[in-house]
Amino acid sequence: MAYIDYYSVLGLSKSASVDDIKKAYRKLARKYHPDLNANDEAAKKKFQDINEANEVLSDADKRKKYDKYGEDWKHAEQYEKAGYDGSNRSRNPGGQQRQANYQDFGGQGGGDFSDFFDSMFGRSGNYGGGGTNRNQYQGQDLNATLQLNLEDVFTSQKRTLEINGKALRLTIPAGVENGQTIKIKNQGSSGPNGGPKGDLYITFEIANHTRYKRDGANLYVTESLDLYDAVLGGDFTIETMSGKVKLKIAPGTQNNSKVKLKGKGFPKYKKDNEFGDLYVTYDIQIPKNITEEEKELFKKLAKRN
């Protein structure tokens, strides 16, 4: 695995906080996202590096190993079991410290920390001198961000993503939420020495440009209601995300009163034909310009009360 300075990729120092990493990742992921850089191979490579860097640095345990072992962070446990300390890259059997040497593991000539992994994991030479077995390890997981609109996830749909230069077609279930992450097995990086692939994690960023507010599978909307309809009652038609619905307005409806339309909300994730509810709040509009005749009528009503 070629060494990548994940901090440099995100434009950060090693002292960067968790929030610094998150902000840098989001900013760069938007800038280099394939959807905004069609046919730009450099941008695609940069986007992959950004996701790889975030996958490691946003995980406290992985970041600790990366800071200590660099490119060999994925093999930290094996390295430590063998008695090596990544901070000084030395071996300490029986209390005596000495420099790690490739010759100690059946290789030829001098070496250091990286040579140990070359022998153990088959990057150069064979463990034990002349052996042919090479340990296989799962490849690195990948992270990707998919930006969609709220209307896009009201129904299930198919999308094609480009991951590591390959087109991946997937079905996005209706009801996916903003910030939700799904895992697709075996779509990450290839494992060392023919090991299994890692997984792909896709995080959804759902932009809501509609007049509805979403809370899980429930939707909320405010509807303007004419004063006369509120007082006298009548029929009222509203637009839901699944079509128009006619409501009966009760005479004497009060401002900010609410009604619930069962099953007219958002689809429930991975639950076929199950929907949340739509909650409608009435905002009664007081007429600004009324005629003299209407004024007289209001005066008569006021006297009766």
Protein backbone atom coordinates (compact mmCIF):
# COMPACT_ATOMS: atom_id res chain seq x y z
CA MET A 1 0.00 0.00 0.00
CA ALA A 2 1.53 3.34 -1.02
CA TYR A 3 1.88 5.77 1.85
CA ILE A 4 -0.61 8.62 1.86
CA ASP A 5 -0.31 11.55 4.24
CA TYR A 6 -3.95 11.72 5.26
CA TYR A 7 -3.46 14.98 7.14
CA SER A 8 -2.02 16.69 4.06
CA VAL A 9 -4.86 15.31 1.93
CA LEU A 10 -7.36 17.15 4.15
CA GLY A 11 -5.11 20.18 4.56
CA LEU A 12 -4.75 19.63 8.31
CA SER A 13 -2.04 19.28 10.93
CA LYS A 14 -1.68 16.29 13.24
CA SER A 15 -3.22 18.32 16.06
CA ALA A 16 -6.51 18.72 14.15
CA SER A 17 -9.65 18.15 16.20
CA VAL A 18 -12.54 15.84 15.29
CA ASP A 19 -14.57 18.88 14.19
CA ASP A 20 -11.66 20.14 12.08
CA ILE A 21 -11.54 16.79 10.28
CA LYS A 22 -15.29 16.73 9.71
CA LYS A 23 -15.38 20.28 8.34
CA ALA A 24 -12.37 19.75 6.06
CA TYR A 25 -13.81 16.50 4.71
CA ARG A 26 -17.22 17.99 3.91
CA LYS A 27 -15.69 21.02 2.21
CA LEU A 28 -13.30 19.00 0.04
CA ALA A 29 -15.82 16.23 -0.71
CA ARG A 30 -18.22 18.80 -2.14
CA LYS A 31 -15.45 20.44 -4.16
CA TYR A 32 -14.14 17.25 -5.75
CA HIS A 33 -17.36 15.23 -5.93
CA PRO A 34 -17.58 13.33 -9.28
CA ASP A 35 -21.01 14.81 -9.98
CA LEU A 36 -19.39 18.25 -10.11
CA ASN A 37 -16.25 17.16 -11.93
CA ALA A 38 -17.40 14.97 -14.79
CA ASN A 39 -14.57 13.41 -16.84
CA ASP A 40 -11.94 14.88 -14.52
CA GLU A 41 -9.72 11.95 -13.54
CA ALA A 42 -7.58 14.06 -11.21
CA ALA A 43 -10.67 15.17 -9.28
CA LYS A 44 -11.88 11.56 -9.03
CA LYS A 45 -8.53 10.46 -7.60
CA LYS A 46 -8.56 13.39 -5.18
CA PHE A 47 -12.11 12.48 -4.09
CA GLN A 48 -11.02 8.89 -3.39
CA ASP A 49 -8.04 10.10 -1.34
CA ILE A 50 -10.28 12.47 0.62
CA ASN A 51 -12.69 9.65 1.49
CA GLU A 52 -9.83 7.36 2.46
CA ALA A 53 -8.29 10.02 4.68
CA ASN A 54 -11.62 10.73 6.38
CA GLU A 55 -12.32 7.03 6.92
CA VAL A 56 -9.10 6.73 8.94
CA LEU A 57 -8.81 10.08 10.71
CA SER A 58 -12.48 10.29 11.76
CA ASP A 59 -12.14 6.98 13.62
CA ALA A 60 -10.27 7.49 16.91
CA ASP A 61 -8.79 3.96 17.01
CA LYS A 62 -7.70 3.98 13.36
CA ARG A 63 -6.24 7.47 13.72
CA LYS A 64 -4.19 6.40 16.72
CA LYS A 65 -2.75 3.45 14.80
CA TYR A 66 -2.08 5.60 11.74
CA ASP A 67 -0.26 8.22 13.81
CA LYS A 68 1.92 5.50 15.30
CA TYR A 69 2.54 3.15 12.38
CA GLY A 70 1.96 5.22 9.25
CA GLU A 71 1.31 3.14 6.13
CA ASP A 72 1.32 -0.08 8.19
CA TRP A 73 -1.41 1.02 10.59
CA LYS A 74 -3.75 -1.80 9.51
CA HIS A 75 -1.27 -4.36 10.85
CA ALA A 76 -0.68 -2.65 14.19
CA GLU A 77 -1.90 -5.60 16.27
CA GLN A 78 0.42 -8.09 14.55
CA TYR A 79 3.32 -5.68 14.88
CA GLU A 80 2.77 -5.19 18.60
CA LYS A 81 2.37 -8.93 19.20
CA ALA A 82 5.81 -9.37 17.67
CA GLY A 83 7.26 -7.04 20.28
CA TYR A 84 7.77 -3.88 18.26
CA ASP A 85 7.00 -0.34 19.30
CA GLY A 86 6.07 1.94 16.44
CA SER A 87 7.24 5.02 18.30
CA ASN A 88 10.91 3.99 18.20
CA ARG A 89 10.63 1.12 15.72
CA SER A 90 12.63 -1.17 17.95
CA ARG A 91 12.37 -4.59 19.47
CA ASN A 92 12.67 -5.13 23.18
CA PRO A 93 13.06 -8.78 24.17
CA GLY A 94 14.21 -9.26 27.75
CA GLY A 95 14.53 -5.56 28.36
CA GLN A 96 17.24 -5.03 25.74
CA GLN A 97 16.41 -2.63 22.96
CA ARG A 98 17.83 -3.07 19.47
CA GLN A 99 16.98 -1.88 15.97
CA ALA A 100 14.57 -4.08 14.02
CA ASN A 101 16.37 -5.91 11.21
CA TYR A 102 14.96 -7.78 8.24
CA GLN A 103 17.62 -10.46 8.73
CA ASP A 104 15.99 -11.40 12.05
CA PHE A 105 13.03 -12.76 10.04
CA GLY A 106 14.91 -14.78 7.44
CA GLY A 107 15.69 -12.00 4.94
CA GLN A 108 19.01 -10.79 3.64
CA GLY A 109 20.77 -7.63 4.67
CA GLY A 110 19.74 -4.83 7.01
CA GLY A 111 16.32 -3.27 7.31
CA ASP A 112 13.96 -1.50 9.62
CA PHE A 113 10.31 -1.19 10.63
CA SER A 114 8.98 -1.47 7.07
CA ASP A 115 11.14 -4.51 6.34
CA PHE A 116 9.42 -6.37 9.16
CA PHE A 117 6.06 -5.90 7.47
CA ASP A 118 7.51 -6.79 4.10
CA SER A 119 8.49 -10.17 5.50
CA MET A 120 5.36 -10.76 7.54
CA PHE A 121 2.81 -9.69 4.94
CA GLY A 122 4.60 -10.72 1.75
CA ARG A 123 5.35 -7.35 0.18
CA SER A 124 8.96 -8.42 -0.43
CA GLY A 125 10.46 -11.77 0.47
CA ASN A 126 8.78 -14.60 2.42
CA TYR A 127 8.29 -14.96 6.09
CA GLY A 128 10.71 -17.40 7.67
CA GLY A 129 13.01 -17.51 4.63
CA GLY A 130 11.84 -19.51 1.66
CA GLY A 131 8.24 -19.94 2.83
CA THR A 132 5.48 -19.50 0.28
CA ASN A 133 2.45 -18.66 2.46
CA ARG A 134 1.38 -15.06 2.44
CA ASN A 135 -1.12 -13.73 4.94
CA GLN A 136 -4.24 -12.25 3.43
CA TYR A 137 -6.05 -9.34 5.00
CA GLN A 138 -9.25 -7.54 4.17
CA GLY A 139 -8.91 -4.44 2.05
CA GLN A 140 -9.61 -0.95 3.28
CA ASP A 141 -13.19 0.26 3.62
CA LEU A 142 -14.21 3.21 1.47
CA ASN A 143 -16.52 6.10 2.28
CA ALA A 144 -18.62 8.07 -0.17
CA THR A 145 -21.22 10.82 0.12
CA LEU A 146 -24.33 10.88 -2.05
CA GLN A 147 -26.26 14.14 -2.28
CA LEU A 148 -29.97 13.91 -3.05
CA ASN A 149 -33.11 16.01 -2.73
CA LEU A 150 -36.00 15.09 -0.45
CA GLU A 151 -38.19 14.36 -3.46
CA ASP A 152 -35.58 11.88 -4.73
CA VAL A 153 -36.00 9.56 -1.74
CA PHE A 154 -39.80 9.66 -1.60
CA THR A 155 -39.71 6.62 -3.90
CA SER A 156 -37.07 3.91 -4.35
CA GLN A 157 -34.76 4.54 -7.26
CA LYS A 158 -31.67 3.21 -8.95
CA ARG A 159 -28.44 5.18 -9.15
CA THR A 160 -25.07 4.48 -10.72
CA LEU A 161 -21.98 5.52 -8.76
CA GLU A 162 -18.38 5.42 -9.89
CA ILE A 163 -16.20 3.80 -7.22
CA ASN A 164 -12.50 3.15 -7.86
CA GLY A 165 -13.07 3.64 -11.57
CA LYS A 166 -15.89 1.10 -11.70
CA ALA A 167 -19.59 1.76 -12.19
CA LEU A 168 -21.68 0.50 -9.27
CA ARG A 169 -25.44 0.33 -9.75
CA LEU A 170 -27.48 0.30 -6.57
CA THR A 171 -31.06 0.68 -5.46
CA ILE A 172 -31.71 3.46 -2.95
CA PRO A 173 -34.69 2.51 -0.77
CA ALA A 174 -37.40 5.09 -0.24
CA GLY A 175 -37.29 6.79 3.15
CA VAL A 176 -33.52 7.21 3.47
CA GLU A 177 -32.77 9.93 6.01
CA ASN A 178 -30.30 12.80 5.97
CA GLY A 179 -26.99 11.65 7.48
CA GLN A 180 -27.89 7.97 7.24
CA THR A 181 -25.05 5.62 6.25
CA ILE A 182 -25.52 2.27 4.53
CA LYS A 183 -22.93 -0.45 4.00
CA ILE A 184 -22.37 -2.29 0.73
CA LYS A 185 -20.24 -5.36 1.29
CA ASN A 186 -17.16 -6.15 -0.77
CA GLN A 187 -17.15 -2.87 -2.69
CA GLY A 188 -14.12 -1.36 -0.96
CA SER A 189 -10.42 -1.63 -1.76
CA SER A 190 -8.86 -4.98 -2.65
CA GLY A 191 -7.09 -6.80 0.18
CA PRO A 192 -3.30 -7.32 0.30
CA ASN A 193 -2.06 -10.54 -1.33
CA GLY A 194 -5.45 -11.32 -2.81
CA GLY A 195 -7.35 -10.85 0.44
CA PRO A 196 -11.09 -10.02 0.48
CA LYS A 197 -12.25 -6.55 -0.45
CA GLY A 198 -13.27 -4.04 2.15
CA ASP A 199 -16.77 -2.56 2.32
CA LEU A 200 -18.23 0.63 0.93
CA TYR A 201 -20.04 3.03 3.25
CA ILE A 202 -22.36 5.56 1.62
CA THR A 203 -23.59 8.53 3.65
CA PHE A 204 -26.64 10.39 2.36
CA GLU A 205 -26.95 14.15 2.39
CA ILE A 206 -30.65 14.92 1.81
CA ALA A 207 -31.42 18.53 0.89
CA ASN A 208 -34.96 19.69 1.64
CA HIS A 209 -36.16 22.47 -0.64
CA THR A 210 -39.84 21.69 -0.13
CA ARG A 211 -42.36 23.42 2.11
CA TYR A 212 -42.61 20.33 4.27
CA LYS A 213 -40.63 19.72 7.44
CA ARG A 214 -39.58 16.12 7.94
CA ASP A 215 -39.20 14.24 11.21
CA GLY A 216 -38.51 10.60 10.46
CA ALA A 217 -41.49 9.37 8.47
CA ASN A 218 -43.78 12.24 9.54
CA LEU A 219 -44.21 15.46 7.61
CA TYR A 220 -45.37 18.86 8.83
CA VAL A 221 -46.80 21.71 6.79
CA THR A 222 -48.55 25.04 7.43
CA GLU A 223 -51.51 25.97 5.25
CA SER A 224 -53.01 29.45 4.91
CA LEU A 225 -56.77 29.45 5.54
CA ASP A 226 -59.17 32.19 4.54
CA LEU A 227 -60.94 33.83 7.48
CA TYR A 228 -64.34 33.19 5.96
CA ASP A 229 -63.61 29.49 5.48
CA ALA A 230 -62.39 29.30 9.05
CA VAL A 231 -65.57 30.92 10.34
CA LEU A 232 -68.09 29.27 8.05
CA GLY A 233 -66.36 25.98 7.27
CA GLY A 234 -66.19 24.32 3.89
CA ASP A 235 -64.01 22.28 1.59
CA PHE A 236 -60.27 22.84 1.34
CA THR A 237 -57.77 21.14 -1.00
CA ILE A 238 -54.09 20.76 -0.08
CA GLU A 239 -51.12 19.37 -1.96
CA THR A 240 -49.31 16.46 -0.30
CA MET A 241 -46.14 14.76 -1.54
CA SER A 242 -48.30 11.96 -2.92
CA GLY A 243 -50.99 14.13 -4.53
CA LYS A 244 -53.93 16.41 -3.73
CA VAL A 245 -56.24 15.74 -0.79
CA LYS A 246 -59.61 17.40 -0.08
CA LEU A 247 -60.32 18.34 3.55
CA LYS A 248 -63.46 19.39 5.37
CA ILE A 249 -63.00 22.59 7.34
CA ALA A 250 -65.12 22.67 10.48
CA PRO A 251 -67.01 25.96 11.15
CA GLY A 252 -65.23 28.03 13.77
CA THR A 253 -61.76 26.60 13.06
CA GLN A 254 -59.19 28.39 15.25
CA ASN A 255 -55.80 29.75 14.22
CA ASN A 256 -52.90 27.26 14.65
CA SER A 257 -55.30 24.36 14.97
CA LYS A 258 -53.89 21.09 13.60
CA VAL A 259 -55.22 18.11 11.71
CA LYS A 260 -53.51 14.78 11.02
CA LEU A 261 -53.69 13.07 7.66
CA LYS A 262 -52.89 9.46 8.41
CA GLY A 263 -50.55 7.75 5.96
CA LYS A 264 -49.88 10.93 3.97
CA GLY A 265 -46.37 11.45 5.30
CA PHE A 266 -43.03 10.04 4.17
CA PRO A 267 -42.28 6.39 3.33
CA LYS A 268 -40.87 4.33 6.19
CA TYR A 269 -37.37 3.06 5.40
CA LYS A 270 -37.40 -0.50 4.04
CA LYS A 271 -41.07 -0.99 4.97
CA ASP A 272 -43.07 -1.48 1.82
CA ASN A 273 -46.28 0.55 1.55
CA GLU A 274 -45.90 1.99 5.06
CA PHE A 275 -45.97 5.75 5.49
CA GLY A 276 -45.84 8.25 8.30
CA ASP A 277 -48.48 10.93 8.82
CA LEU A 278 -48.87 14.48 7.55
CA TYR A 279 -49.66 17.13 10.16
CA VAL A 280 -51.34 20.28 8.84
CA THR A 281 -51.37 23.52 10.86
CA TYR A 282 -53.89 26.18 9.81
CA ASP A 283 -52.69 29.76 9.58
CA ILE A 284 -55.85 31.88 9.38
CA GLN A 285 -55.42 34.95 7.22
CA ILE A 286 -57.08 38.19 8.37
CA PRO A 287 -58.22 40.29 5.36
CA LYS A 288 -56.24 43.53 5.02
CA ASN A 289 -58.57 45.43 2.73
CA ILE A 290 -62.27 45.13 3.47
CA THR A 291 -65.18 47.03 1.98
CA GLU A 292 -67.45 49.38 3.90
CA GLU A 293 -70.19 46.80 3.62
CA GLU A 294 -67.93 44.16 5.19
CA LYS A 295 -66.99 46.57 7.97
CA GLU A 296 -70.65 47.06 8.80
CA LEU A 297 -71.20 43.30 8.89
CA PHE A 298 -68.25 42.87 11.27
CA LYS A 299 -69.65 45.64 13.49
CA LYS A 300 -72.98 43.86 13.67
CA LEU A 301 -71.22 40.63 14.60
CA ALA A 302 -69.22 42.44 17.26
CA LYS A 303 -72.39 43.85 18.85
CA ARG A 304 -73.96 40.40 18.99
CA ASN A 305 -70.95 39.16 20.98
